[in-house]
Amino acid sequence: MENLEMLTGTFPVAPDQLAHDLAVAKLIKSGTVPASASGYTYYGAYIKYLREFETVIANRIPEESENVSG
């Protein structure tokens, strides 16, 4: 881990990987999809969460860039 990462408590992660990880975590934690559901149901819920997180991340990236450079 680099010194800056240790000081700021941040670590580099690609936005698409972050969105994926958060969507999977929310899907597991939410329990909205029953265990007996089909793969299509799980995939549909995953895509819904993924799109939500992609939007949040895309909206945050410009803000974070301004905070770092400014």
Protein backbone atom coordinates (compact mmCIF):
# COMPACT_ATOMS: atom_id res chain seq x y z
CA MET A 1 0.00 0.00 0.00
CA GLU A 2 1.36 3.38 -0.88
CA ASN A 3 1.85 6.08 1.75
CA LEU A 4 -0.89 8.31 0.33
CA GLU A 5 -3.35 5.41 0.44
CA MET A 6 -2.44 4.74 4.07
CA LEU A 7 -2.86 8.40 5.02
CA THR A 8 -6.14 8.98 3.22
CA GLY A 9 -7.66 5.55 3.85
CA THR A 10 -8.39 5.18 0.14
CA PHE A 11 -7.37 2.58 -2.37
CA PRO A 12 -7.53 2.51 -6.16
CA VAL A 13 -10.46 0.61 -7.62
CA ALA A 14 -12.00 0.81 -11.06
CA PRO A 15 -15.49 2.38 -11.01
CA ASP A 16 -17.03 -0.57 -12.87
CA GLN A 17 -15.53 -3.07 -10.40
CA LEU A 18 -16.79 -1.01 -7.47
CA ALA A 19 -20.30 -0.89 -8.94
CA HIS A 20 -20.25 -4.66 -9.48
CA ASP A 21 -19.05 -5.41 -5.95
CA LEU A 22 -21.62 -3.10 -4.38
CA ALA A 23 -24.44 -4.54 -6.50
CA VAL A 24 -23.55 -8.11 -5.50
CA ALA A 25 -23.30 -7.12 -1.84
CA LYS A 26 -26.67 -5.36 -1.92
CA LEU A 27 -28.28 -8.28 -3.74
CA ILE A 28 -27.04 -10.69 -1.08
CA LYS A 29 -27.91 -8.42 1.85
CA SER A 30 -31.32 -7.28 0.62
CA GLY A 31 -32.90 -10.71 0.57
CA THR A 32 -35.47 -9.41 -1.91
CA VAL A 33 -34.84 -12.30 -4.27
CA PRO A 34 -35.91 -15.63 -2.74
CA ALA A 35 -33.51 -18.58 -2.86
CA SER A 36 -35.98 -20.45 -5.07
CA ALA A 37 -35.94 -17.72 -7.74
CA SER A 38 -34.60 -18.34 -11.20
CA GLY A 39 -31.25 -17.10 -12.44
CA TYR A 40 -33.07 -14.54 -14.57
CA THR A 41 -34.67 -13.05 -11.46
CA TYR A 42 -31.29 -12.75 -9.75
CA TYR A 43 -29.75 -11.25 -12.88
CA GLY A 44 -32.56 -8.71 -13.20
CA ALA A 45 -32.13 -7.58 -9.60
CA TYR A 46 -28.34 -7.46 -10.03
CA ILE A 47 -28.65 -5.26 -13.14
CA LYS A 48 -31.04 -2.93 -11.31
CA TYR A 49 -28.60 -2.48 -8.41
CA LEU A 50 -25.62 -2.25 -10.77
CA ARG A 51 -27.20 0.61 -12.74
CA GLU A 52 -28.05 2.45 -9.51
CA PHE A 53 -24.47 2.20 -8.24
CA GLU A 54 -23.02 3.13 -11.64
CA THR A 55 -25.09 6.32 -11.56
CA VAL A 56 -24.01 7.19 -8.02
CA ILE A 57 -20.35 6.51 -8.80
CA ALA A 58 -20.46 8.49 -12.06
CA ASN A 59 -21.96 11.43 -10.20
CA ARG A 60 -19.33 11.23 -7.44
CA ILE A 61 -16.23 10.95 -9.64
CA PRO A 62 -16.26 14.61 -10.78
CA GLU A 63 -16.78 15.73 -7.16
CA GLU A 64 -13.89 13.60 -5.94
CA SER A 65 -11.65 14.91 -8.72
CA GLU A 66 -12.43 18.50 -7.74
CA ASN A 67 -11.63 17.76 -4.09
CA VAL A 68 -8.27 16.22 -4.98
CA SER A 69 -7.17 18.91 -7.42
CA GLY A 70 -8.66 21.86 -5.56
